Amino acid sequence: MKLVVSRLHGTHNDFLVTVVAPGAAAPDADTARRVCDRAHSGGGADGLIALLPATNDADCAMELRNADGELAEMSGNGIRCLAWVAVRAGLARGNQLVVKTSAGLRTLTLTIDPTSGEMLRASVDMGPAAFSPAAVPVTSDSVDNLAIDIDGVTYEGTACSMGNPHWAILVTDPKAVAVAQIGPVLECDQRFPDRTNVEFYRVIDRSTLDMRVWERGVGETQSCGTGACAVAAVAHRAGLVDSGVQVQVLGGELSVELGSTILLGGPVVFMGDETIEL
């Protein structure tokens, strides 16, 4: 069995995107685990995305499986990588693409190279951040001041939903956090029934945040689009930043515009097409 994929990254949050023909099934959990395994698949990835045929209300649909094979509701970097493949396949309407995801419809505004026709960058309307415990979901009375003690250190932050769960924790310096050690503990905190993504962030100034992220079902990644939106929304809610924020991640920088909905912008890099033997 062979799987044809395109390899792309958004600020080094890397994905494999495969186009699923009408009537065909999207890759299953076992396939996702195998092709995303960095130790055995000749590269691996943070996730496997299936580009599914158009629906009545969207130009195409997206199904995302994290590296552990589990389905994920949404990825801000992932959907921008999917958009690159959709543009090449002729699915976009000019500089716009509407994608059906498990978190709802998402509309992308595309920057297209006029000479090559290749997509260079995309901004996606991520919808609003939700701060009710039921929306995250989290089994506490409030999304604020969620604390946990690990080895004598207290980590405290705010939970929110960007279509998927997040726990944004304000720290003095993200670079000093032992993300690989405490990330798995926080991801599986019993207050988050669906587990959670965890962001460690600091405020540089009113328009700049610095972030590291532990992604649910993946581990620490170079970037996370929904995570960047979550920390910007949490920091803005706390009065720490303005409505326009640059979020610095290990893999680069993402732009976040906060309003009634949240706009996430950033580059997309195509690395090549591959045929993977399963």
C-alpha atoms as a PDB file:
ATOM      1  CA  MET A   1       0.000   0.000   0.000  1.00  0.00           C
ATOM      2  CA  LYS A   2       1.252   3.463  -0.883  1.00  0.00           C
ATOM      3  CA  LEU A   3       0.259   6.896   0.423  1.00  0.00           C
ATOM      4  CA  VAL A   4       0.960   9.969  -1.718  1.00  0.00           C
ATOM      5  CA  VAL A   5       1.542  13.063   0.414  1.00  0.00           C
ATOM      6  CA  SER A   6       2.791  16.632   0.209  1.00  0.00           C
ATOM      7  CA  ARG A   7       5.148  17.777   2.958  1.00  0.00           C
ATOM      8  CA  LEU A   8       4.718  21.369   4.169  1.00  0.00           C
ATOM      9  CA  HIS A   9       5.370  23.450   7.244  1.00  0.00           C
ATOM     10  CA  GLY A  10       4.049  26.630   8.813  1.00  0.00           C
ATOM     11  CA  THR A  11       6.783  28.122  11.027  1.00  0.00           C
ATOM     12  CA  HIS A  12       8.266  24.588  11.178  1.00  0.00           C
ATOM     13  CA  ASN A  13       5.070  22.985  12.471  1.00  0.00           C
ATOM     14  CA  ASP A  14       5.194  20.272   9.787  1.00  0.00           C
ATOM     15  CA  PHE A  15       2.408  18.244   8.215  1.00  0.00           C
ATOM     16  CA  LEU A  16       1.833  15.615   5.578  1.00  0.00           C
ATOM     17  CA  VAL A  17      -1.192  16.409   3.400  1.00  0.00           C
ATOM     18  CA  THR A  18      -2.878  13.736   1.291  1.00  0.00           C
ATOM     19  CA  VAL A  19      -5.687  14.331  -1.201  1.00  0.00           C
ATOM     20  CA  VAL A  20      -8.586  11.910  -0.738  1.00  0.00           C
ATOM     21  CA  ALA A  21     -10.595  11.078  -3.851  1.00  0.00           C
ATOM     22  CA  PRO A  22     -14.421  11.261  -3.761  1.00  0.00           C
ATOM     23  CA  GLY A  23     -15.831   8.109  -2.184  1.00  0.00           C
ATOM     24  CA  ALA A  24     -12.469   7.041  -0.738  1.00  0.00           C
ATOM     25  CA  ALA A  25     -11.733   6.792   2.981  1.00  0.00           C
ATOM     26  CA  ALA A  26      -9.381   9.130   4.812  1.00  0.00           C
ATOM     27  CA  PRO A  27      -6.248   7.551   6.360  1.00  0.00           C
ATOM     28  CA  ASP A  28      -6.917   5.806   9.669  1.00  0.00           C
ATOM     29  CA  ALA A  29      -5.206   6.187  13.037  1.00  0.00           C
ATOM     30  CA  ASP A  30      -2.654   3.446  12.407  1.00  0.00           C
ATOM     31  CA  THR A  31      -1.596   5.006   9.102  1.00  0.00           C
ATOM     32  CA  ALA A  32      -1.177   8.404  10.752  1.00  0.00           C
ATOM     33  CA  ARG A  33       0.969   6.972  13.537  1.00  0.00           C
ATOM     34  CA  ARG A  34       3.194   5.166  11.060  1.00  0.00           C
ATOM     35  CA  VAL A  35       3.800   8.033   8.644  1.00  0.00           C
ATOM     36  CA  CYS A  36       4.262  10.605  11.439  1.00  0.00           C
ATOM     37  CA  ASP A  37       6.738   8.467  13.367  1.00  0.00           C
ATOM     38  CA  ARG A  38      10.009  10.384  13.071  1.00  0.00           C
ATOM     39  CA  ALA A  39      12.053   7.359  14.115  1.00  0.00           C
ATOM     40  CA  HIS A  40      10.875   5.017  11.358  1.00  0.00           C
ATOM     41  CA  SER A  41       9.174   6.784   8.469  1.00  0.00           C
ATOM     42  CA  GLY A  42      12.051   8.732   6.975  1.00  0.00           C
ATOM     43  CA  GLY A  43      11.088  12.124   8.297  1.00  0.00           C
ATOM     44  CA  GLY A  44       7.795  11.880  10.132  1.00  0.00           C
ATOM     45  CA  ALA A  45       5.592  14.870  10.888  1.00  0.00           C
ATOM     46  CA  ASP A  46       3.529  16.593  13.563  1.00  0.00           C
ATOM     47  CA  GLY A  47       0.331  15.429  11.890  1.00  0.00           C
ATOM     48  CA  LEU A  48      -1.352  13.870   8.855  1.00  0.00           C
ATOM     49  CA  ILE A  49      -4.036  15.922   7.087  1.00  0.00           C
ATOM     50  CA  ALA A  50      -6.591  14.523   4.678  1.00  0.00           C
ATOM     51  CA  LEU A  51      -7.869  17.011   2.079  1.00  0.00           C
ATOM     52  CA  LEU A  52     -11.417  15.804   1.475  1.00  0.00           C
ATOM     53  CA  PRO A  53     -13.809  16.727  -1.367  1.00  0.00           C
ATOM     54  CA  ALA A  54     -15.941  19.863  -1.350  1.00  0.00           C
ATOM     55  CA  THR A  55     -19.210  20.046   0.557  1.00  0.00           C
ATOM     56  CA  ASN A  56     -22.300  22.181  -0.061  1.00  0.00           C
ATOM     57  CA  ASP A  57     -20.892  24.999   2.087  1.00  0.00           C
ATOM     58  CA  ALA A  58     -17.123  24.635   1.626  1.00  0.00           C
ATOM     59  CA  ASP A  59     -14.506  24.339  -1.122  1.00  0.00           C
ATOM     60  CA  CYS A  60     -13.007  21.314   0.612  1.00  0.00           C
ATOM     61  CA  ALA A  61     -12.929  19.591   3.989  1.00  0.00           C
ATOM     62  CA  MET A  62     -10.089  18.790   6.379  1.00  0.00           C
ATOM     63  CA  GLU A  63      -9.506  15.802   8.639  1.00  0.00           C
ATOM     64  CA  LEU A  64      -6.464  16.060  10.898  1.00  0.00           C
ATOM     65  CA  ARG A  65      -4.819  13.272  12.840  1.00  0.00           C
ATOM     66  CA  ASN A  66      -2.061  14.118  15.296  1.00  0.00           C
ATOM     67  CA  ALA A  67       1.138  12.114  15.396  1.00  0.00           C
ATOM     68  CA  ASP A  68      -0.426   9.698  17.905  1.00  0.00           C
ATOM     69  CA  GLY A  69      -3.177   8.898  15.405  1.00  0.00           C
ATOM     70  CA  GLU A  70      -5.953  10.640  17.307  1.00  0.00           C
ATOM     71  CA  LEU A  71      -8.302  13.004  15.509  1.00  0.00           C
ATOM     72  CA  ALA A  72      -7.832  16.710  16.288  1.00  0.00           C
ATOM     73  CA  GLU A  73     -10.460  19.395  15.898  1.00  0.00           C
ATOM     74  CA  MET A  74      -8.312  22.104  14.354  1.00  0.00           C
ATOM     75  CA  SER A  75      -4.802  23.332  13.568  1.00  0.00           C
ATOM     76  CA  GLY A  76      -4.042  26.902  12.516  1.00  0.00           C
ATOM     77  CA  ASN A  77      -0.760  25.948  10.892  1.00  0.00           C
ATOM     78  CA  GLY A  78      -2.187  22.729   9.500  1.00  0.00           C
ATOM     79  CA  ILE A  79      -5.109  24.375   7.735  1.00  0.00           C
ATOM     80  CA  ARG A  80      -2.730  26.834   6.075  1.00  0.00           C
ATOM     81  CA  CYS A  81      -0.642  23.903   4.819  1.00  0.00           C
ATOM     82  CA  LEU A  82      -3.807  22.247   3.520  1.00  0.00           C
ATOM     83  CA  ALA A  83      -4.663  25.508   1.732  1.00  0.00           C
ATOM     84  CA  TRP A  84      -1.389  25.344  -0.242  1.00  0.00           C
ATOM     85  CA  VAL A  85      -2.361  21.921  -1.590  1.00  0.00           C
ATOM     86  CA  ALA A  86      -5.929  23.072  -2.255  1.00  0.00           C
ATOM     87  CA  VAL A  87      -4.663  26.050  -4.276  1.00  0.00           C
ATOM     88  CA  ARG A  88      -2.474  23.779  -6.387  1.00  0.00           C
ATOM     89  CA  ALA A  89      -5.477  21.524  -6.965  1.00  0.00           C
ATOM     90  CA  GLY A  90      -7.521  24.500  -8.199  1.00  0.00           C
ATOM     91  CA  LEU A  91     -10.009  24.473  -5.322  1.00  0.00           C
ATOM     92  CA  ALA A  92      -9.635  28.091  -4.210  1.00  0.00           C
ATOM     93  CA  ARG A  93     -11.909  30.887  -5.378  1.00  0.00           C
ATOM     94  CA  GLY A  94      -9.421  33.609  -6.226  1.00  0.00           C
ATOM     95  CA  ASN A  95      -7.692  34.560  -2.997  1.00  0.00           C
ATOM     96  CA  GLN A  96     -10.244  32.844  -0.754  1.00  0.00           C
ATOM     97  CA  LEU A  97     -10.758  29.279   0.428  1.00  0.00           C
ATOM     98  CA  VAL A  98     -13.505  27.948   2.693  1.00  0.00           C
ATOM     99  CA  VAL A  99     -12.655  24.748   4.572  1.00  0.00           C
ATOM    100  CA  LYS A 100     -14.951  22.514   6.595  1.00  0.00           C
ATOM    101  CA  THR A 101     -13.249  21.322   9.805  1.00  0.00           C
ATOM    102  CA  SER A 102     -14.364  19.503  12.933  1.00  0.00           C
ATOM    103  CA  ALA A 103     -14.359  22.906  14.655  1.00  0.00           C
ATOM    104  CA  GLY A 104     -16.643  24.444  11.995  1.00  0.00           C
ATOM    105  CA  LEU A 105     -16.160  26.347   8.750  1.00  0.00           C
ATOM    106  CA  ARG A 106     -12.931  28.311   8.417  1.00  0.00           C
ATOM    107  CA  THR A 107     -12.298  30.979   5.757  1.00  0.00           C
ATOM    108  CA  LEU A 108      -8.765  31.677   4.549  1.00  0.00           C
ATOM    109  CA  THR A 109      -7.453  34.728   2.726  1.00  0.00           C
ATOM    110  CA  LEU A 110      -4.589  33.699   0.468  1.00  0.00           C
ATOM    111  CA  THR A 111      -1.486  35.476  -0.803  1.00  0.00           C
ATOM    112  CA  ILE A 112      -0.732  34.050  -4.240  1.00  0.00           C
ATOM    113  CA  ASP A 113       2.457  34.533  -6.254  1.00  0.00           C
ATOM    114  CA  PRO A 114       1.158  36.153  -9.488  1.00  0.00           C
ATOM    115  CA  THR A 115       3.935  34.575 -11.544  1.00  0.00           C
ATOM    116  CA  SER A 116       3.907  30.972 -10.334  1.00  0.00           C
ATOM    117  CA  GLY A 117       0.369  30.786  -8.929  1.00  0.00           C
ATOM    118  CA  GLU A 118       1.819  29.269  -5.761  1.00  0.00           C
ATOM    119  CA  MET A 119       0.411  30.219  -2.371  1.00  0.00           C
ATOM    120  CA  LEU A 120       2.966  32.038  -0.242  1.00  0.00           C
ATOM    121  CA  ARG A 121       1.014  32.933   2.861  1.00  0.00           C
ATOM    122  CA  ALA A 122      -2.456  32.559   4.329  1.00  0.00           C
ATOM    123  CA  SER A 123      -4.554  34.254   6.963  1.00  0.00           C
ATOM    124  CA  VAL A 124      -7.331  32.188   8.495  1.00  0.00           C
ATOM    125  CA  ASP A 125     -10.373  33.303  10.434  1.00  0.00           C
ATOM    126  CA  MET A 126     -10.090  31.039  13.469  1.00  0.00           C
ATOM    127  CA  GLY A 127     -13.405  32.058  15.026  1.00  0.00           C
ATOM    128  CA  PRO A 128     -13.643  33.409  18.588  1.00  0.00           C
ATOM    129  CA  ALA A 129     -11.808  32.140  21.649  1.00  0.00           C
ATOM    130  CA  ALA A 130     -14.211  30.567  24.138  1.00  0.00           C
ATOM    131  CA  PHE A 131     -13.699  30.956  27.874  1.00  0.00           C
ATOM    132  CA  SER A 132     -16.522  28.911  29.374  1.00  0.00           C
ATOM    133  CA  PRO A 133     -15.522  25.692  31.177  1.00  0.00           C
ATOM    134  CA  ALA A 134     -17.977  23.675  29.085  1.00  0.00           C
ATOM    135  CA  ALA A 135     -16.536  24.947  25.807  1.00  0.00           C
ATOM    136  CA  VAL A 136     -12.916  24.038  26.595  1.00  0.00           C
ATOM    137  CA  PRO A 137     -13.890  21.552  28.169  1.00  0.00           C
ATOM    138  CA  VAL A 138     -12.510  21.718  31.706  1.00  0.00           C
ATOM    139  CA  THR A 139     -14.180  20.376  34.839  1.00  0.00           C
ATOM    140  CA  SER A 140     -13.628  23.427  37.036  1.00  0.00           C
ATOM    141  CA  ASP A 141     -15.949  26.282  37.905  1.00  0.00           C
ATOM    142  CA  SER A 142     -13.742  28.791  36.084  1.00  0.00           C
ATOM    143  CA  VAL A 143     -11.152  28.749  33.318  1.00  0.00           C
ATOM    144  CA  ASP A 144      -8.957  31.165  35.287  1.00  0.00           C
ATOM    145  CA  ASN A 145      -6.285  30.476  37.907  1.00  0.00           C
ATOM    146  CA  LEU A 146      -5.921  26.806  37.044  1.00  0.00           C
ATOM    147  CA  ALA A 147      -2.865  25.729  39.029  1.00  0.00           C
ATOM    148  CA  ILE A 148      -0.810  22.584  39.464  1.00  0.00           C
ATOM    149  CA  ASP A 149       2.310  21.845  41.550  1.00  0.00           C
ATOM    150  CA  ILE A 150       5.067  19.782  39.958  1.00  0.00           C
ATOM    151  CA  ASP A 151       8.278  19.108  41.873  1.00  0.00           C
ATOM    152  CA  GLY A 152       7.711  22.111  44.108  1.00  0.00           C
ATOM    153  CA  VAL A 153       6.963  24.518  41.255  1.00  0.00           C
ATOM    154  CA  THR A 154       3.480  25.963  40.739  1.00  0.00           C
ATOM    155  CA  TYR A 155       2.246  26.446  37.187  1.00  0.00           C
ATOM    156  CA  GLU A 156      -0.873  28.590  36.850  1.00  0.00           C
ATOM    157  CA  GLY A 157      -2.779  29.683  33.804  1.00  0.00           C
ATOM    158  CA  THR A 158      -6.043  30.120  31.935  1.00  0.00           C
ATOM    159  CA  ALA A 159      -7.895  27.585  29.820  1.00  0.00           C
ATOM    160  CA  CYS A 160      -9.666  28.477  26.594  1.00  0.00           C
ATOM    161  CA  SER A 161     -10.945  26.850  23.447  1.00  0.00           C
ATOM    162  CA  MET A 162      -9.943  27.622  19.891  1.00  0.00           C
ATOM    163  CA  GLY A 163     -12.085  24.741  18.675  1.00  0.00           C
ATOM    164  CA  ASN A 164      -9.619  22.594  20.623  1.00  0.00           C
ATOM    165  CA  PRO A 165      -8.556  22.862  24.292  1.00  0.00           C
ATOM    166  CA  HIS A 166      -5.668  25.026  25.508  1.00  0.00           C
ATOM    167  CA  TRP A 167      -4.055  25.839  28.844  1.00  0.00           C
ATOM    168  CA  ALA A 168      -2.007  29.062  28.557  1.00  0.00           C
ATOM    169  CA  ILE A 169       0.490  29.468  31.397  1.00  0.00           C
ATOM    170  CA  LEU A 170       2.333  32.740  31.993  1.00  0.00           C
ATOM    171  CA  VAL A 171       5.996  32.157  32.892  1.00  0.00           C
ATOM    172  CA  THR A 172       9.083  34.286  33.413  1.00  0.00           C
ATOM    173  CA  ASP A 173      10.991  32.680  30.543  1.00  0.00           C
ATOM    174  CA  PRO A 174       9.631  29.894  28.278  1.00  0.00           C
ATOM    175  CA  LYS A 175      13.173  28.835  27.432  1.00  0.00           C
ATOM    176  CA  ALA A 176      13.753  27.851  31.071  1.00  0.00           C
ATOM    177  CA  VAL A 177      10.692  25.564  31.235  1.00  0.00           C
ATOM    178  CA  ALA A 178      11.322  21.810  31.117  1.00  0.00           C
ATOM    179  CA  VAL A 179       8.568  21.356  28.542  1.00  0.00           C
ATOM    180  CA  ALA A 180       9.426  17.749  27.693  1.00  0.00           C
ATOM    181  CA  GLN A 181       9.116  16.723  31.339  1.00  0.00           C
ATOM    182  CA  ILE A 182       6.043  18.626  32.493  1.00  0.00           C
ATOM    183  CA  GLY A 183       4.155  18.819  29.194  1.00  0.00           C
ATOM    184  CA  PRO A 184       2.856  15.230  29.370  1.00  0.00           C
ATOM    185  CA  VAL A 185       1.655  15.774  32.946  1.00  0.00           C
ATOM    186  CA  LEU A 186      -0.247  18.949  32.089  1.00  0.00           C
ATOM    187  CA  GLU A 187      -1.688  17.502  28.880  1.00  0.00           C
ATOM    188  CA  CYS A 188      -3.313  14.692  30.832  1.00  0.00           C
ATOM    189  CA  ASP A 189      -4.448  16.731  33.847  1.00  0.00           C
ATOM    190  CA  GLN A 190      -7.691  15.134  35.034  1.00  0.00           C
ATOM    191  CA  ARG A 191      -9.539  18.466  34.846  1.00  0.00           C
ATOM    192  CA  PHE A 192      -9.306  18.301  31.035  1.00  0.00           C
ATOM    193  CA  PRO A 193     -11.452  15.325  29.954  1.00  0.00           C
ATOM    194  CA  ASP A 194     -10.264  15.590  26.328  1.00  0.00           C
ATOM    195  CA  ARG A 195      -6.666  16.317  27.391  1.00  0.00           C
ATOM    196  CA  THR A 196      -5.228  19.700  26.407  1.00  0.00           C
ATOM    197  CA  ASN A 197      -2.585  21.621  24.515  1.00  0.00           C
ATOM    198  CA  VAL A 198      -0.303  23.565  26.858  1.00  0.00           C
ATOM    199  CA  GLU A 199       1.385  26.887  26.125  1.00  0.00           C
ATOM    200  CA  PHE A 200       4.132  28.524  28.194  1.00  0.00           C
ATOM    201  CA  TYR A 201       4.356  32.206  27.321  1.00  0.00           C
ATOM    202  CA  ARG A 202       5.787  35.538  28.398  1.00  0.00           C
ATOM    203  CA  VAL A 203       4.912  39.100  27.470  1.00  0.00           C
ATOM    204  CA  ILE A 204       7.725  40.983  25.733  1.00  0.00           C
ATOM    205  CA  ASP A 205       5.701  44.138  25.118  1.00  0.00           C
ATOM    206  CA  ARG A 206       2.109  45.049  24.315  1.00  0.00           C
ATOM    207  CA  SER A 207       2.385  43.714  20.783  1.00  0.00           C
ATOM    208  CA  THR A 208       4.757  40.760  21.210  1.00  0.00           C
ATOM    209  CA  LEU A 209       4.526  37.408  22.986  1.00  0.00           C
ATOM    210  CA  ASP A 210       7.069  34.592  23.259  1.00  0.00           C
ATOM    211  CA  MET A 211       5.735  31.020  23.424  1.00  0.00           C
ATOM    212  CA  ARG A 212       6.659  27.363  23.643  1.00  0.00           C
ATOM    213  CA  VAL A 213       4.006  24.717  23.208  1.00  0.00           C
ATOM    214  CA  TRP A 214       3.317  21.112  24.159  1.00  0.00           C
ATOM    215  CA  GLU A 215       0.740  19.814  21.682  1.00  0.00           C
ATOM    216  CA  ARG A 216      -1.788  17.211  22.691  1.00  0.00           C
ATOM    217  CA  GLY A 217      -0.967  13.907  21.029  1.00  0.00           C
ATOM    218  CA  VAL A 218       2.260  15.217  19.480  1.00  0.00           C
ATOM    219  CA  GLY A 219       4.694  16.586  22.073  1.00  0.00           C
ATOM    220  CA  GLU A 220       6.668  19.814  21.906  1.00  0.00           C
ATOM    221  CA  THR A 221       6.458  21.348  18.439  1.00  0.00           C
ATOM    222  CA  GLN A 222       8.189  24.271  16.768  1.00  0.00           C
ATOM    223  CA  SER A 223       4.918  26.155  16.422  1.00  0.00           C
ATOM    224  CA  CYS A 224       1.167  25.904  17.015  1.00  0.00           C
ATOM    225  CA  GLY A 225      -1.343  28.163  15.302  1.00  0.00           C
ATOM    226  CA  THR A 226      -4.273  27.557  17.640  1.00  0.00           C
ATOM    227  CA  GLY A 227      -1.834  27.889  20.547  1.00  0.00           C
ATOM    228  CA  ALA A 228      -0.656  31.284  19.308  1.00  0.00           C
ATOM    229  CA  CYS A 229      -4.288  32.411  19.097  1.00  0.00           C
ATOM    230  CA  ALA A 230      -4.988  31.046  22.575  1.00  0.00           C
ATOM    231  CA  VAL A 231      -2.109  32.838  24.306  1.00  0.00           C
ATOM    232  CA  ALA A 232      -2.891  36.090  22.487  1.00  0.00           C
ATOM    233  CA  ALA A 233      -6.555  35.843  23.520  1.00  0.00           C
ATOM    234  CA  VAL A 234      -5.670  34.988  27.133  1.00  0.00           C
ATOM    235  CA  ALA A 235      -3.094  37.797  27.390  1.00  0.00           C
ATOM    236  CA  HIS A 236      -5.491  40.299  25.817  1.00  0.00           C
ATOM    237  CA  ARG A 237      -8.279  39.248  28.183  1.00  0.00           C
ATOM    238  CA  ALA A 238      -5.888  39.922  31.077  1.00  0.00           C
ATOM    239  CA  GLY A 239      -5.042  43.385  29.696  1.00  0.00           C
ATOM    240  CA  LEU A 240      -1.443  42.478  28.929  1.00  0.00           C
ATOM    241  CA  VAL A 241      -1.405  43.053  25.153  1.00  0.00           C
ATOM    242  CA  ASP A 242      -3.220  45.046  22.489  1.00  0.00           C
ATOM    243  CA  SER A 243      -5.416  43.569  19.760  1.00  0.00           C
ATOM    244  CA  GLY A 244      -2.582  43.088  17.262  1.00  0.00           C
ATOM    245  CA  VAL A 245       0.030  40.614  18.478  1.00  0.00           C
ATOM    246  CA  GLN A 246       3.126  38.959  17.047  1.00  0.00           C
ATOM    247  CA  VAL A 247       3.691  35.571  18.647  1.00  0.00           C
ATOM    248  CA  GLN A 248       7.269  34.339  18.569  1.00  0.00           C
ATOM    249  CA  VAL A 249       7.587  30.552  18.447  1.00  0.00           C
ATOM    250  CA  LEU A 250      10.597  28.284  18.073  1.00  0.00           C
ATOM    251  CA  GLY A 251       9.942  28.011  14.341  1.00  0.00           C
ATOM    252  CA  GLY A 252       9.414  31.687  13.551  1.00  0.00           C
ATOM    253  CA  GLU A 253       6.660  34.228  14.081  1.00  0.00           C
ATOM    254  CA  LEU A 254       2.874  34.243  13.674  1.00  0.00           C
ATOM    255  CA  SER A 255       0.573  37.260  13.523  1.00  0.00           C
ATOM    256  CA  VAL A 256      -2.681  37.317  15.508  1.00  0.00           C
ATOM    257  CA  GLU A 257      -5.429  39.939  15.140  1.00  0.00           C
ATOM    258  CA  LEU A 258      -8.007  39.900  17.931  1.00  0.00           C
ATOM    259  CA  GLY A 259     -11.587  41.022  17.419  1.00  0.00           C
ATOM    260  CA  SER A 260     -15.003  39.390  17.348  1.00  0.00           C
ATOM    261  CA  THR A 261     -13.094  36.527  15.729  1.00  0.00           C
ATOM    262  CA  ILE A 262      -9.359  35.862  15.626  1.00  0.00           C
ATOM    263  CA  LEU A 263      -7.261  36.108  12.462  1.00  0.00           C
ATOM    264  CA  LEU A 264      -4.087  34.024  12.287  1.00  0.00           C
ATOM    265  CA  GLY A 265      -1.480  34.778   9.641  1.00  0.00           C
ATOM    266  CA  GLY A 266       1.814  33.215   8.697  1.00  0.00           C
ATOM    267  CA  PRO A 267       3.930  31.728   5.902  1.00  0.00           C
ATOM    268  CA  VAL A 268       3.610  28.277   4.376  1.00  0.00           C
ATOM    269  CA  VAL A 269       6.599  26.407   2.942  1.00  0.00           C
ATOM    270  CA  PHE A 270       6.222  23.499   0.502  1.00  0.00           C
ATOM    271  CA  MET A 271       9.005  20.942   0.902  1.00  0.00           C
ATOM    272  CA  GLY A 272       7.992  18.368  -1.695  1.00  0.00           C
ATOM    273  CA  ASP A 273       5.761  15.488  -2.696  1.00  0.00           C
ATOM    274  CA  GLU A 274       6.448  11.957  -1.492  1.00  0.00           C
ATOM    275  CA  THR A 275       5.123   8.459  -1.920  1.00  0.00           C
ATOM    276  CA  ILE A 276       5.302   6.548   1.345  1.00  0.00           C
ATOM    277  CA  GLU A 277       5.335   2.751   1.333  1.00  0.00           C
ATOM    278  CA  LEU A 278       3.178   1.407   4.163  1.00  0.00           C
END
